[in-house]
PDB file of N, CA and C in Angstrom:
ATOM      1  N   MET A   1     136.097  54.852 145.178  1.00  0.00           N
ATOM      2  CA  MET A   1     136.441  53.439 145.143  1.00  0.00           C
ATOM      3  C   MET A   1     136.704  52.907 146.561  1.00  0.00           C
ATOM      4  N   ARG A   2     137.367  53.718 147.371  1.00  0.00           N
ATOM      5  CA  ARG A   2     137.669  53.276 148.735  1.00  0.00           C
ATOM      6  C   ARG A   2     136.410  53.026 149.550  1.00  0.00           C
ATOM      7  N   ILE A   3     135.422  53.856 149.330  1.00  0.00           N
ATOM      8  CA  ILE A   3     134.186  53.704 150.102  1.00  0.00           C
ATOM      9  C   ILE A   3     133.524  52.359 149.798  1.00  0.00           C
ATOM     10  N   TRP A   4     133.584  51.905 148.551  1.00  0.00           N
ATOM     11  CA  TRP A   4     132.998  50.608 148.190  1.00  0.00           C
ATOM     12  C   TRP A   4     133.752  49.464 148.826  1.00  0.00           C
ATOM     13  N   ILE A   5     135.060  49.593 148.921  1.00  0.00           N
ATOM     14  CA  ILE A   5     135.860  48.552 149.579  1.00  0.00           C
ATOM     15  C   ILE A   5     135.509  48.490 151.059  1.00  0.00           C
ATOM     16  N   VAL A   6     135.416  49.642 151.696  1.00  0.00           N
ATOM     17  CA  VAL A   6     135.074  49.691 153.120  1.00  0.00           C
ATOM     18  C   VAL A   6     133.668  49.144 153.340  1.00  0.00           C
ATOM     19  N   LEU A   7     132.719  49.547 152.509  1.00  0.00           N
ATOM     20  CA  LEU A   7     131.355  49.045 152.655  1.00  0.00           C
ATOM     21  C   LEU A   7     131.286  47.540 152.423  1.00  0.00           C
ATOM     22  N   GLY A   8     132.057  47.045 151.477  1.00  0.00           N
ATOM     23  CA  GLY A   8     132.099  45.598 151.240  1.00  0.00           C
ATOM     24  C   GLY A   8     132.658  44.840 152.429  1.00  0.00           C
ATOM     25  N   LEU A   9     133.724  45.364 153.027  1.00  0.00           N
ATOM     26  CA  LEU A   9     134.308  44.715 154.203  1.00  0.00           C
ATOM     27  C   LEU A   9     133.363  44.756 155.396  1.00  0.00           C
ATOM     28  N   VAL A  10     132.709  45.875 155.600  1.00  0.00           N
ATOM     29  CA  VAL A  10     131.754  45.985 156.709  1.00  0.00           C
ATOM     30  C   VAL A  10     130.604  45.002 156.510  1.00  0.00           C
ATOM     31  N   ALA A  11     130.087  44.927 155.303  1.00  0.00           N
ATOM     32  CA  ALA A  11     128.976  43.999 155.034  1.00  0.00           C
ATOM     33  C   ALA A  11     129.429  42.555 155.211  1.00  0.00           C
ATOM     34  N   ALA A  12     130.628  42.242 154.752  1.00  0.00           N
ATOM     35  CA  ALA A  12     131.128  40.870 154.879  1.00  0.00           C
ATOM     36  C   ALA A  12     131.359  40.489 156.337  1.00  0.00           C
ATOM     37  N   LEU A  13     131.876  41.418 157.120  1.00  0.00           N
ATOM     38  CA  LEU A  13     132.169  41.113 158.519  1.00  0.00           C
ATOM     39  C   LEU A  13     130.938  41.196 159.412  1.00  0.00           C
ATOM     40  N   SER A  14     129.883  41.829 158.942  1.00  0.00           N
ATOM     41  CA  SER A  14     128.691  41.937 159.780  1.00  0.00           C
ATOM     42  C   SER A  14     127.878  40.649 159.797  1.00  0.00           C
ATOM     43  N   GLY A  15     128.014  39.831 158.782  1.00  0.00           N
ATOM     44  CA  GLY A  15     127.272  38.579 158.731  1.00  0.00           C
ATOM     45  C   GLY A  15     127.996  37.503 159.502  1.00  0.00           C
ATOM     46  N   CYS A  16     127.663  37.337 160.755  1.00  0.00           N
ATOM     47  CA  CYS A  16     128.370  36.394 161.620  1.00  0.00           C
ATOM     48  C   CYS A  16     128.281  34.964 161.089  1.00  0.00           C
ATOM     49  N   GLY A  17     127.126  34.563 160.589  1.00  0.00           N
ATOM     50  CA  GLY A  17     126.989  33.218 160.037  1.00  0.00           C
ATOM     51  C   GLY A  17     127.898  33.014 158.841  1.00  0.00           C
ATOM     52  N   THR A  18     128.039  34.046 158.025  1.00  0.00           N
ATOM     53  CA  THR A  18     128.916  33.970 156.862  1.00  0.00           C
ATOM     54  C   THR A  18     130.368  33.835 157.294  1.00  0.00           C
ATOM     55  N   VAL A  19     130.766  34.652 158.242  1.00  0.00           N
ATOM     56  CA  VAL A  19     132.144  34.591 158.735  1.00  0.00           C
ATOM     57  C   VAL A  19     132.428  33.228 159.357  1.00  0.00           C
ATOM     58  N   LYS A  20     131.484  32.712 160.126  1.00  0.00           N
ATOM     59  CA  LYS A  20     131.659  31.408 160.781  1.00  0.00           C
ATOM     60  C   LYS A  20     131.836  30.295 159.757  1.00  0.00           C
ATOM     61  N   THR A  21     130.989  30.256 158.741  1.00  0.00           N
ATOM     62  CA  THR A  21     131.060  29.156 157.782  1.00  0.00           C
ATOM     63  C   THR A  21     132.250  29.282 156.838  1.00  0.00           C
ATOM     64  N   LEU A  22     132.698  30.498 156.559  1.00  0.00           N
ATOM     65  CA  LEU A  22     133.844  30.650 155.670  1.00  0.00           C
ATOM     66  C   LEU A  22     135.168  30.428 156.390  1.00  0.00           C
ATOM     67  N   ASN A  23     135.252  30.823 157.658  1.00  0.00           N
ATOM     68  CA  ASN A  23     136.509  30.690 158.394  1.00  0.00           C
ATOM     69  C   ASN A  23     136.643  29.374 159.138  1.00  0.00           C
ATOM     70  N   ASP A  24     135.542  28.810 159.583  1.00  0.00           N
ATOM     71  CA  ASP A  24     135.587  27.600 160.407  1.00  0.00           C
ATOM     72  C   ASP A  24     134.427  26.691 160.030  1.00  0.00           C
ATOM     73  N   GLU A  25     134.494  26.125 158.833  1.00  0.00           N
ATOM     74  CA  GLU A  25     133.363  25.322 158.358  1.00  0.00           C
ATOM     75  C   GLU A  25     133.151  24.071 159.192  1.00  0.00           C
ATOM     76  N   LYS A  26     134.221  23.461 159.680  1.00  0.00           N
ATOM     77  CA  LYS A  26     134.064  22.275 160.534  1.00  0.00           C
ATOM     78  C   LYS A  26     133.427  22.658 161.866  1.00  0.00           C
ATOM     79  N   GLY A  27     133.811  23.790 162.408  1.00  0.00           N
ATOM     80  CA  GLY A  27     133.214  24.273 163.654  1.00  0.00           C
ATOM     81  C   GLY A  27     131.745  24.603 163.483  1.00  0.00           C
ATOM     82  N   ALA A  28     131.392  25.206 162.347  1.00  0.00           N
ATOM     83  CA  ALA A  28     129.984  25.511 162.075  1.00  0.00           C
ATOM     84  C   ALA A  28     129.174  24.221 161.966  1.00  0.00           C
ATOM     85  N   ALA A  29     129.716  23.235 161.277  1.00  0.00           N
ATOM     86  CA  ALA A  29     129.022  21.954 161.140  1.00  0.00           C
ATOM     87  C   ALA A  29     128.896  21.259 162.490  1.00  0.00           C
ATOM     88  N   ASP A  30     129.949  21.330 163.293  1.00  0.00           N
ATOM     89  CA  ASP A  30     129.898  20.724 164.629  1.00  0.00           C
ATOM     90  C   ASP A  30     128.875  21.428 165.520  1.00  0.00           C
ATOM     91  N   ASP A  31     128.781  22.765 165.400  1.00  0.00           N
ATOM     92  CA  ASP A  31     127.782  23.506 166.176  1.00  0.00           C
ATOM     93  C   ASP A  31     126.379  23.032 165.843  1.00  0.00           C
ATOM     94  N   LEU A  32     126.092  22.897 164.557  1.00  0.00           N
ATOM     95  CA  LEU A  32     124.752  22.450 164.160  1.00  0.00           C
ATOM     96  C   LEU A  32     124.468  21.040 164.647  1.00  0.00           C
ATOM     97  N   ALA A  33     125.478  20.186 164.632  1.00  0.00           N
ATOM     98  CA  ALA A  33     125.298  18.821 165.143  1.00  0.00           C
ATOM     99  C   ALA A  33     125.041  18.851 166.651  1.00  0.00           C
ATOM    100  N   LYS A  34     125.789  19.688 167.357  1.00  0.00           N
ATOM    101  CA  LYS A  34     125.629  19.798 168.802  1.00  0.00           C
ATOM    102  C   LYS A  34     124.254  20.360 169.166  1.00  0.00           C
ATOM    103  N   TRP A  35     123.761  21.287 168.349  1.00  0.00           N
ATOM    104  CA  TRP A  35     122.457  21.894 168.606  1.00  0.00           C
ATOM    105  C   TRP A  35     121.315  21.022 168.099  1.00  0.00           C
ATOM    106  N   GLN A  36     121.619  19.867 167.548  1.00  0.00           N
ATOM    107  CA  GLN A  36     120.641  18.905 167.031  1.00  0.00           C
ATOM    108  C   GLN A  36     119.747  19.524 165.952  1.00  0.00           C
ATOM    109  N   SER A  37     120.380  20.264 165.053  1.00  0.00           N
ATOM    110  CA  SER A  37     119.657  20.856 163.937  1.00  0.00           C
ATOM    111  C   SER A  37     119.160  19.760 163.000  1.00  0.00           C
ATOM    112  N   ASN A  38     118.082  20.039 162.310  1.00  0.00           N
ATOM    113  CA  ASN A  38     117.536  19.086 161.354  1.00  0.00           C
ATOM    114  C   ASN A  38     118.255  19.137 160.010  1.00  0.00           C
ATOM    115  N   CYS A  39     119.216  20.031 159.845  1.00  0.00           N
ATOM    116  CA  CYS A  39     119.970  20.148 158.599  1.00  0.00           C
ATOM    117  C   CYS A  39     121.114  19.134 158.591  1.00  0.00           C
ATOM    118  N   HIS A  40     121.331  18.520 157.447  1.00  0.00           N
ATOM    119  CA  HIS A  40     122.419  17.546 157.305  1.00  0.00           C
ATOM    120  C   HIS A  40     123.571  18.093 156.491  1.00  0.00           C
ATOM    121  N   THR A  41     123.333  19.152 155.713  1.00  0.00           N
ATOM    122  CA  THR A  41     124.378  19.803 154.934  1.00  0.00           C
ATOM    123  C   THR A  41     124.135  21.307 154.923  1.00  0.00           C
ATOM    124  N   ILE A  42     125.222  22.049 154.662  1.00  0.00           N
ATOM    125  CA  ILE A  42     125.151  23.495 154.480  1.00  0.00           C
ATOM    126  C   ILE A  42     125.746  23.780 153.104  1.00  0.00           C
ATOM    127  N   PRO A  43     124.990  24.378 152.202  1.00  0.00           N
ATOM    128  CA  PRO A  43     125.588  24.726 150.911  1.00  0.00           C
ATOM    129  C   PRO A  43     126.596  25.859 151.095  1.00  0.00           C
ATOM    130  N   ARG A  44     127.675  25.822 150.360  1.00  0.00           N
ATOM    131  CA  ARG A  44     128.687  26.877 150.491  1.00  0.00           C
ATOM    132  C   ARG A  44     128.190  28.206 149.932  1.00  0.00           C
ATOM    133  N   ALA A  45     127.416  28.169 148.858  1.00  0.00           N
ATOM    134  CA  ALA A  45     126.816  29.394 148.332  1.00  0.00           C
ATOM    135  C   ALA A  45     125.687  29.792 149.279  1.00  0.00           C
ATOM    136  N   TYR A  46     125.739  31.005 149.782  1.00  0.00           N
ATOM    137  CA  TYR A  46     124.805  31.493 150.801  1.00  0.00           C
ATOM    138  C   TYR A  46     124.884  30.644 152.070  1.00  0.00           C
ATOM    139  N   SER A  47     126.095  30.328 152.467  1.00  0.00           N
ATOM    140  CA  SER A  47     126.317  29.486 153.648  1.00  0.00           C
ATOM    141  C   SER A  47     125.925  30.181 154.947  1.00  0.00           C
ATOM    142  N   GLY A  48     126.103  31.483 155.040  1.00  0.00           N
ATOM    143  CA  GLY A  48     125.739  32.195 156.260  1.00  0.00           C
ATOM    144  C   GLY A  48     124.243  32.168 156.513  1.00  0.00           C
ATOM    145  N   MET A  49     123.475  32.384 155.462  1.00  0.00           N
ATOM    146  CA  MET A  49     122.019  32.307 155.590  1.00  0.00           C
ATOM    147  C   MET A  49     121.583  30.886 155.926  1.00  0.00           C
ATOM    148  N   SER A  50     122.184  29.919 155.275  1.00  0.00           N
ATOM    149  CA  SER A  50     121.826  28.515 155.540  1.00  0.00           C
ATOM    150  C   SER A  50     122.177  28.128 156.966  1.00  0.00           C
ATOM    151  N   TYR A  51     123.331  28.600 157.444  1.00  0.00           N
ATOM    152  CA  TYR A  51     123.762  28.313 158.812  1.00  0.00           C
ATOM    153  C   TYR A  51     122.754  28.870 159.819  1.00  0.00           C
ATOM    154  N   GLN A  52     122.316  30.105 159.599  1.00  0.00           N
ATOM    155  CA  GLN A  52     121.358  30.710 160.532  1.00  0.00           C
ATOM    156  C   GLN A  52     119.986  30.061 160.419  1.00  0.00           C
ATOM    157  N   PHE A  53     119.580  29.688 159.198  1.00  0.00           N
ATOM    158  CA  PHE A  53     118.309  28.980 159.055  1.00  0.00           C
ATOM    159  C   PHE A  53     118.365  27.647 159.799  1.00  0.00           C
ATOM    160  N   CYS A  54     119.481  26.927 159.661  1.00  0.00           N
ATOM    161  CA  CYS A  54     119.628  25.651 160.369  1.00  0.00           C
ATOM    162  C   CYS A  54     119.674  25.871 161.877  1.00  0.00           C
ATOM    163  N   ASN A  55     120.215  27.008 162.292  1.00  0.00           N
ATOM    164  CA  ASN A  55     120.221  27.373 163.707  1.00  0.00           C
ATOM    165  C   ASN A  55     118.783  27.527 164.209  1.00  0.00           C
ATOM    166  N   LEU A  56     117.933  28.152 163.401  1.00  0.00           N
ATOM    167  CA  LEU A  56     116.519  28.286 163.770  1.00  0.00           C
ATOM    168  C   LEU A  56     115.778  26.956 163.681  1.00  0.00           C
ATOM    169  N   ASN A  57     116.281  26.050 162.850  1.00  0.00           N
ATOM    170  CA  ASN A  57     115.631  24.764 162.614  1.00  0.00           C
ATOM    171  C   ASN A  57     116.177  23.690 163.563  1.00  0.00           C
ATOM    172  N   SER A  58     116.337  24.065 164.809  1.00  0.00           N
ATOM    173  CA  SER A  58     116.822  23.139 165.839  1.00  0.00           C
ATOM    174  C   SER A  58     115.965  23.323 167.085  1.00  0.00           C
ATOM    175  N   PRO A  59     116.047  22.395 168.022  1.00  0.00           N
ATOM    176  CA  PRO A  59     115.269  22.555 169.252  1.00  0.00           C
ATOM    177  C   PRO A  59     115.638  23.851 169.976  1.00  0.00           C
ATOM    178  N   PRO A  60     114.698  24.473 170.658  1.00  0.00           N
ATOM    179  CA  PRO A  60     114.982  25.728 171.366  1.00  0.00           C
ATOM    180  C   PRO A  60     116.080  25.554 172.418  1.00  0.00           C
ATOM    181  N   ARG A  61     116.897  26.589 172.544  1.00  0.00           N
ATOM    182  CA  ARG A  61     117.946  26.625 173.559  1.00  0.00           C
ATOM    183  C   ARG A  61     117.726  27.849 174.436  1.00  0.00           C
ATOM    184  N   SER A  62     118.284  27.850 175.620  1.00  0.00           N
ATOM    185  CA  SER A  62     118.075  28.974 176.527  1.00  0.00           C
ATOM    186  C   SER A  62     119.112  30.061 176.275  1.00  0.00           C
ATOM    187  N   GLY A  63     118.791  31.255 176.703  1.00  0.00           N
ATOM    188  CA  GLY A  63     119.698  32.390 176.569  1.00  0.00           C
ATOM    189  C   GLY A  63     119.191  33.389 175.547  1.00  0.00           C
ATOM    190  N   SER A  64     119.511  34.659 175.765  1.00  0.00           N
ATOM    191  CA  SER A  64     119.015  35.703 174.870  1.00  0.00           C
ATOM    192  C   SER A  64     119.696  35.657 173.506  1.00  0.00           C
ATOM    193  N   HIS A  65     120.930  35.132 173.443  1.00  0.00           N
ATOM    194  CA  HIS A  65     121.634  35.054 172.163  1.00  0.00           C
ATOM    195  C   HIS A  65     120.936  34.087 171.212  1.00  0.00           C
ATOM    196  N   TRP A  66     120.222  33.138 171.739  1.00  0.00           N
ATOM    197  CA  TRP A  66     119.562  32.128 170.914  1.00  0.00           C
ATOM    198  C   TRP A  66     118.116  32.483 170.609  1.00  0.00           C
ATOM    199  N   ALA A  67     117.701  33.690 170.949  1.00  0.00           N
ATOM    200  CA  ALA A  67     116.341  34.121 170.638  1.00  0.00           C
ATOM    201  C   ALA A  67     116.186  34.302 169.126  1.00  0.00           C
ATOM    202  N   VAL A  68     114.983  34.294 168.664  1.00  0.00           N
ATOM    203  CA  VAL A  68     114.711  34.385 167.234  1.00  0.00           C
ATOM    204  C   VAL A  68     115.145  35.743 166.670  1.00  0.00           C
ATOM    205  N   THR A  69     114.970  36.827 167.415  1.00  0.00           N
ATOM    206  CA  THR A  69     115.277  38.161 166.907  1.00  0.00           C
ATOM    207  C   THR A  69     116.746  38.341 166.534  1.00  0.00           C
ATOM    208  N   PRO A  70     117.726  38.012 167.416  1.00  0.00           N
ATOM    209  CA  PRO A  70     119.122  38.170 167.002  1.00  0.00           C
ATOM    210  C   PRO A  70     119.510  37.254 165.841  1.00  0.00           C
ATOM    211  N   ILE A  71     118.949  36.067 165.816  1.00  0.00           N
ATOM    212  CA  ILE A  71     119.258  35.145 164.728  1.00  0.00           C
ATOM    213  C   ILE A  71     118.673  35.675 163.423  1.00  0.00           C
ATOM    214  N   ALA A  72     117.465  36.220 163.472  1.00  0.00           N
ATOM    215  CA  ALA A  72     116.844  36.780 162.270  1.00  0.00           C
ATOM    216  C   ALA A  72     117.613  38.004 161.775  1.00  0.00           C
ATOM    217  N   PHE A  73     118.095  38.845 162.694  1.00  0.00           N
ATOM    218  CA  PHE A  73     118.910  39.996 162.305  1.00  0.00           C
ATOM    219  C   PHE A  73     120.192  39.532 161.628  1.00  0.00           C
ATOM    220  N   ASP A  74     120.834  38.514 162.183  1.00  0.00           N
ATOM    221  CA  ASP A  74     122.055  37.996 161.584  1.00  0.00           C
ATOM    222  C   ASP A  74     121.763  37.318 160.248  1.00  0.00           C
ATOM    223  N   LEU A  75     120.580  36.757 160.101  1.00  0.00           N
ATOM    224  CA  LEU A  75     120.187  36.152 158.833  1.00  0.00           C
ATOM    225  C   LEU A  75     120.175  37.216 157.732  1.00  0.00           C
ATOM    226  N   VAL A  76     119.661  38.395 158.035  1.00  0.00           N
ATOM    227  CA  VAL A  76     119.633  39.494 157.063  1.00  0.00           C
ATOM    228  C   VAL A  76     121.048  39.985 156.771  1.00  0.00           C
ATOM    229  N   ALA A  77     121.862  40.159 157.814  1.00  0.00           N
ATOM    230  CA  ALA A  77     123.248  40.596 157.611  1.00  0.00           C
ATOM    231  C   ALA A  77     124.029  39.562 156.805  1.00  0.00           C
ATOM    232  N   SER A  78     123.787  38.296 157.080  1.00  0.00           N
ATOM    233  CA  SER A  78     124.459  37.229 156.328  1.00  0.00           C
ATOM    234  C   SER A  78     124.011  37.222 154.872  1.00  0.00           C
ATOM    235  N   ALA A  79     122.753  37.549 154.620  1.00  0.00           N
ATOM    236  CA  ALA A  79     122.262  37.605 153.237  1.00  0.00           C
ATOM    237  C   ALA A  79     123.024  38.657 152.440  1.00  0.00           C
ATOM    238  N   ILE A  80     123.278  39.791 153.049  1.00  0.00           N
ATOM    239  CA  ILE A  80     124.033  40.850 152.377  1.00  0.00           C
ATOM    240  C   ILE A  80     125.467  40.392 152.128  1.00  0.00           C
ATOM    241  N   ALA A  81     126.100  39.850 153.159  1.00  0.00           N
ATOM    242  CA  ALA A  81     127.486  39.396 153.015  1.00  0.00           C
ATOM    243  C   ALA A  81     127.586  38.247 152.011  1.00  0.00           C
ATOM    244  N   ASP A  82     126.645  37.319 152.066  1.00  0.00           N
ATOM    245  CA  ASP A  82     126.665  36.191 151.132  1.00  0.00           C
ATOM    246  C   ASP A  82     126.493  36.651 149.691  1.00  0.00           C
ATOM    247  N   THR A  83     125.670  37.659 149.473  1.00  0.00           N
ATOM    248  CA  THR A  83     125.471  38.174 148.120  1.00  0.00           C
ATOM    249  C   THR A  83     126.749  38.797 147.586  1.00  0.00           C
ATOM    250  N   ILE A  84     127.454  39.513 148.427  1.00  0.00           N
ATOM    251  CA  ILE A  84     128.720  40.124 148.008  1.00  0.00           C
ATOM    252  C   ILE A  84     129.753  39.046 147.691  1.00  0.00           C
ATOM    253  N   LEU A  85     129.744  37.974 148.453  1.00  0.00           N
ATOM    254  CA  LEU A  85     130.764  36.924 148.314  1.00  0.00           C
ATOM    255  C   LEU A  85     130.349  35.784 147.386  1.00  0.00           C
ATOM    256  N   ILE A  86     129.250  35.924 146.654  1.00  0.00           N
ATOM    257  CA  ILE A  86     128.757  34.825 145.830  1.00  0.00           C
ATOM    258  C   ILE A  86     129.763  34.353 144.769  1.00  0.00           C
ATOM    259  N   PRO A  87     130.593  35.199 144.172  1.00  0.00           N
ATOM    260  CA  PRO A  87     131.566  34.637 143.213  1.00  0.00           C
ATOM    261  C   PRO A  87     132.524  33.643 143.882  1.00  0.00           C
ATOM    262  N   TYR A  88     132.990  33.968 145.075  1.00  0.00           N
ATOM    263  CA  TYR A  88     133.908  33.075 145.793  1.00  0.00           C
ATOM    264  C   TYR A  88     133.201  31.818 146.283  1.00  0.00           C
ATOM    265  N   THR A  89     132.052  31.998 146.934  1.00  0.00           N
ATOM    266  CA  THR A  89     131.366  30.830 147.493  1.00  0.00           C
ATOM    267  C   THR A  89     130.765  29.947 146.405  1.00  0.00           C
ATOM    268  N   GLY A  90     130.379  30.546 145.288  1.00  0.00           N
ATOM    269  CA  GLY A  90     129.890  29.748 144.175  1.00  0.00           C
ATOM    270  C   GLY A  90     130.985  28.858 143.614  1.00  0.00           C
ATOM    271  N   TYR A  91     132.181  29.404 143.516  1.00  0.00           N
ATOM    272  CA  TYR A  91     133.321  28.607 143.055  1.00  0.00           C
ATOM    273  C   TYR A  91     133.644  27.497 144.050  1.00  0.00           C
ATOM    274  N   GLN A  92     133.618  27.821 145.340  1.00  0.00           N
ATOM    275  CA  GLN A  92     133.867  26.811 146.371  1.00  0.00           C
ATOM    276  C   GLN A  92     132.798  25.717 146.338  1.00  0.00           C
ATOM    277  N   GLN A  93     131.555  26.103 146.090  1.00  0.00           N
ATOM    278  CA  GLN A  93     130.475  25.120 145.988  1.00  0.00           C
ATOM    279  C   GLN A  93     130.732  24.177 144.824  1.00  0.00           C
ATOM    280  N   TYR A  94     131.154  24.725 143.711  1.00  0.00           N
ATOM    281  CA  TYR A  94     131.424  23.913 142.527  1.00  0.00           C
ATOM    282  C   TYR A  94     132.606  22.964 142.765  1.00  0.00           C
ATOM    283  N   GLN A  95     133.649  23.459 143.427  1.00  0.00           N
ATOM    284  CA  GLN A  95     134.861  22.666 143.642  1.00  0.00           C
ATOM    285  C   GLN A  95     134.724  21.644 144.766  1.00  0.00           C
ATOM    286  N   ARG A  96     134.085  22.025 145.876  1.00  0.00           N
ATOM    287  CA  ARG A  96     134.122  21.200 147.083  1.00  0.00           C
ATOM    288  C   ARG A  96     132.769  20.659 147.528  1.00  0.00           C
ATOM    289  N   GLY A  97     131.681  21.166 146.988  1.00  0.00           N
ATOM    290  CA  GLY A  97     130.359  20.685 147.373  1.00  0.00           C
ATOM    291  C   GLY A  97     129.897  21.260 148.706  1.00  0.00           C
ATOM    292  N   ASP A  98     128.864  20.644 149.253  1.00  0.00           N
ATOM    293  CA  ASP A  98     128.267  21.108 150.504  1.00  0.00           C
ATOM    294  C   ASP A  98     129.162  20.800 151.705  1.00  0.00           C
ATOM    295  N   ILE A  99     128.932  21.540 152.782  1.00  0.00           N
ATOM    296  CA  ILE A  99     129.571  21.264 154.070  1.00  0.00           C
ATOM    297  C   ILE A  99     128.711  20.222 154.774  1.00  0.00           C
ATOM    298  N   GLN A 100     129.282  19.115 155.133  1.00  0.00           N
ATOM    299  CA  GLN A 100     128.546  18.032 155.786  1.00  0.00           C
ATOM    300  C   GLN A 100     128.463  18.275 157.285  1.00  0.00           C
ATOM    301  N   VAL A 101     127.279  18.131 157.844  1.00  0.00           N
ATOM    302  CA  VAL A 101     127.081  18.249 159.291  1.00  0.00           C
ATOM    303  C   VAL A 101     127.284  16.847 159.870  1.00  0.00           C
ATOM    304  N   ARG A 102     128.335  16.697 160.635  1.00  0.00           N
ATOM    305  CA  ARG A 102     128.679  15.385 161.211  1.00  0.00           C
ATOM    306  C   ARG A 102     127.991  15.230 162.558  1.00  0.00           C
ATOM    307  N   ARG A 103     127.317  14.151 162.725  1.00  0.00           N
ATOM    308  CA  ARG A 103     126.629  13.876 163.990  1.00  0.00           C
ATOM    309  C   ARG A 103     127.608  13.229 164.961  1.00  0.00           C
ATOM    310  N   LYS A 104     127.733  13.830 166.125  1.00  0.00           N
ATOM    311  CA  LYS A 104     128.608  13.298 167.172  1.00  0.00           C
ATOM    312  C   LYS A 104     127.780  13.038 168.415  1.00  0.00           C
ATOM    313  N   GLN A 105     128.305  12.237 169.276  1.00  0.00           N
ATOM    314  CA  GLN A 105     127.665  11.979 170.561  1.00  0.00           C
ATOM    315  C   GLN A 105     128.156  13.022 171.558  1.00  0.00           C
ATOM    316  N   TYR A 106     127.237  13.775 172.148  1.00  0.00           N
ATOM    317  CA  TYR A 106     127.604  14.793 173.151  1.00  0.00           C
ATOM    318  C   TYR A 106     127.013  14.440 174.476  1.00  0.00           C
TER     319      TYR A 106
END
């Protein structure tokens, strides 16, 4: 039983997009607005995958962290974490709806 708990925690913490959207949803939305993503909302269910997809769906930025490969790797890790957390995020989606990406002037 302990091994499943540890594996669940590792999978949940490995998905950076999932952790970002669950812990700091306003910050995640602000990041997408700052990066001029074409996404206007992030669904709470599978939010980590949606966050990374919206990250890819923005104009290119410089730096190795913004390359397609690390984002795609995190997309896979977020998919695993999001699947584990679907009971929680599904309930949050039902109660609170999508996360709105607010457009700000930068």
